[in-house]
Amino acid sequence: MFEGLFQPMHLLIIFFIALLIFGPKKLPELGKGLGDGIRALKQGMKDHDTKADIKPEATPAVAPENKPVITPENNPENKA
């Protein structure tokens, strides 16, 4: 389907059209922005992969405090 799509002549035509649309002053800025975006995407994927490899530490279980269980029979508010 996309065989031979990015041949040198095709790339030159695409570059020429981009040059006409954006102008010679904007084209380097667009290339820099595109490169920065790709670099940030790669760094984000790398960070995500390293975070996925780290297993969270097990949190120590906290023993519940020995508090009396309040039932309707021993509720101090019900004793009137």
C-alpha atoms as a PDB file:
ATOM      1  CA  MET A   1       0.000   0.000   0.000  1.00  0.00           C
ATOM      2  CA  PHE A   2       2.744   2.496   0.969  1.00  0.00           C
ATOM      3  CA  GLU A   3       5.502   0.883  -1.064  1.00  0.00           C
ATOM      4  CA  GLY A   4       7.922   3.428  -2.461  1.00  0.00           C
ATOM      5  CA  LEU A   5       6.111   6.315  -0.795  1.00  0.00           C
ATOM      6  CA  PHE A   6       9.238   7.929   0.653  1.00  0.00           C
ATOM      7  CA  GLN A   7      11.476   7.922  -2.368  1.00  0.00           C
ATOM      8  CA  PRO A   8      13.958  10.826  -2.614  1.00  0.00           C
ATOM      9  CA  MET A   9      11.905  12.640  -5.274  1.00  0.00           C
ATOM     10  CA  HIS A  10       8.762  12.425  -3.141  1.00  0.00           C
ATOM     11  CA  LEU A  11      10.609  13.791  -0.118  1.00  0.00           C
ATOM     12  CA  LEU A  12      11.934  16.709  -2.175  1.00  0.00           C
ATOM     13  CA  ILE A  13       8.421  17.554  -3.346  1.00  0.00           C
ATOM     14  CA  ILE A  14       7.095  17.408   0.231  1.00  0.00           C
ATOM     15  CA  PHE A  15       9.972  19.632   1.417  1.00  0.00           C
ATOM     16  CA  PHE A  16       9.316  22.125  -1.403  1.00  0.00           C
ATOM     17  CA  ILE A  17       5.588  22.321  -0.557  1.00  0.00           C
ATOM     18  CA  ALA A  18       6.403  22.829   3.137  1.00  0.00           C
ATOM     19  CA  LEU A  19       8.871  25.557   2.152  1.00  0.00           C
ATOM     20  CA  LEU A  20       6.183  27.325   0.117  1.00  0.00           C
ATOM     21  CA  ILE A  21       3.582  27.063   2.885  1.00  0.00           C
ATOM     22  CA  PHE A  22       5.680  28.001   5.919  1.00  0.00           C
ATOM     23  CA  GLY A  23       8.494  30.044   4.378  1.00  0.00           C
ATOM     24  CA  PRO A  24      12.240  29.743   4.846  1.00  0.00           C
ATOM     25  CA  LYS A  25      12.273  31.434   8.266  1.00  0.00           C
ATOM     26  CA  LYS A  26       9.660  29.189   9.891  1.00  0.00           C
ATOM     27  CA  LEU A  27      10.872  25.863   8.492  1.00  0.00           C
ATOM     28  CA  PRO A  28      13.891  25.457  10.852  1.00  0.00           C
ATOM     29  CA  GLU A  29      11.694  26.332  13.832  1.00  0.00           C
ATOM     30  CA  LEU A  30       9.156  23.701  12.789  1.00  0.00           C
ATOM     31  CA  GLY A  31      11.910  21.107  12.389  1.00  0.00           C
ATOM     32  CA  LYS A  32      13.297  21.936  15.826  1.00  0.00           C
ATOM     33  CA  GLY A  33       9.840  21.724  17.379  1.00  0.00           C
ATOM     34  CA  LEU A  34       9.200  18.390  15.703  1.00  0.00           C
ATOM     35  CA  GLY A  35      12.552  17.048  16.901  1.00  0.00           C
ATOM     36  CA  ASP A  36      11.910  18.248  20.463  1.00  0.00           C
ATOM     37  CA  GLY A  37       8.482  16.605  20.422  1.00  0.00           C
ATOM     38  CA  ILE A  38       9.863  13.275  19.241  1.00  0.00           C
ATOM     39  CA  ARG A  39      12.651  13.456  21.833  1.00  0.00           C
ATOM     40  CA  ALA A  40      10.148  14.197  24.626  1.00  0.00           C
ATOM     41  CA  LEU A  41       7.945  11.326  23.487  1.00  0.00           C
ATOM     42  CA  LYS A  42      10.875   8.898  23.554  1.00  0.00           C
ATOM     43  CA  GLN A  43      11.939  10.131  27.000  1.00  0.00           C
ATOM     44  CA  GLY A  44       8.388   9.797  28.323  1.00  0.00           C
ATOM     45  CA  MET A  45       8.112   6.251  27.007  1.00  0.00           C
ATOM     46  CA  LYS A  46      11.500   5.404  28.533  1.00  0.00           C
ATOM     47  CA  ASP A  47      10.440   6.845  31.911  1.00  0.00           C
ATOM     48  CA  HIS A  48       7.149   4.958  31.765  1.00  0.00           C
ATOM     49  CA  ASP A  49       8.937   1.670  31.049  1.00  0.00           C
ATOM     50  CA  THR A  50      11.353   2.117  33.952  1.00  0.00           C
ATOM     51  CA  LYS A  51       8.511   3.014  36.318  1.00  0.00           C
ATOM     52  CA  ALA A  52       6.574  -0.070  35.216  1.00  0.00           C
ATOM     53  CA  ASP A  53       9.577  -2.283  35.984  1.00  0.00           C
ATOM     54  CA  ILE A  54       9.842  -1.030  39.583  1.00  0.00           C
ATOM     55  CA  LYS A  55       7.572  -2.966  41.876  1.00  0.00           C
ATOM     56  CA  PRO A  56       6.111  -0.953  44.735  1.00  0.00           C
ATOM     57  CA  GLU A  57       7.390  -1.865  48.167  1.00  0.00           C
ATOM     58  CA  ALA A  58       4.987  -3.714  50.385  1.00  0.00           C
ATOM     59  CA  THR A  59       3.578  -1.410  53.014  1.00  0.00           C
ATOM     60  CA  PRO A  60       3.843  -2.831  56.495  1.00  0.00           C
ATOM     61  CA  ALA A  61       0.545  -3.910  57.935  1.00  0.00           C
ATOM     62  CA  VAL A  62      -0.520  -1.762  60.851  1.00  0.00           C
ATOM     63  CA  ALA A  63      -2.054  -3.650  63.719  1.00  0.00           C
ATOM     64  CA  PRO A  64      -5.464  -2.280  64.668  1.00  0.00           C
ATOM     65  CA  GLU A  65      -5.696  -0.616  68.026  1.00  0.00           C
ATOM     66  CA  ASN A  66      -7.520  -2.517  70.727  1.00  0.00           C
ATOM     67  CA  LYS A  67     -10.697  -0.492  70.862  1.00  0.00           C
ATOM     68  CA  PRO A  68     -13.899  -1.879  72.274  1.00  0.00           C
ATOM     69  CA  VAL A  69     -16.586  -2.662  69.747  1.00  0.00           C
ATOM     70  CA  ILE A  70     -19.628  -0.498  70.304  1.00  0.00           C
ATOM     71  CA  THR A  71     -22.902  -2.329  69.904  1.00  0.00           C
ATOM     72  CA  PRO A  72     -26.396  -1.038  70.626  1.00  0.00           C
ATOM     73  CA  GLU A  73     -26.329  -2.860  73.989  1.00  0.00           C
ATOM     74  CA  ASN A  74     -23.131  -1.230  75.310  1.00  0.00           C
ATOM     75  CA  ASN A  75     -23.469   2.172  73.598  1.00  0.00           C
ATOM     76  CA  PRO A  76     -23.050   4.844  76.299  1.00  0.00           C
ATOM     77  CA  GLU A  77     -25.267   7.257  74.407  1.00  0.00           C
ATOM     78  CA  ASN A  78     -28.258   4.906  74.693  1.00  0.00           C
ATOM     79  CA  LYS A  79     -28.052   4.751  78.520  1.00  0.00           C
ATOM     80  CA  ALA A  80     -30.295   7.463  79.743  1.00  0.00           C
END
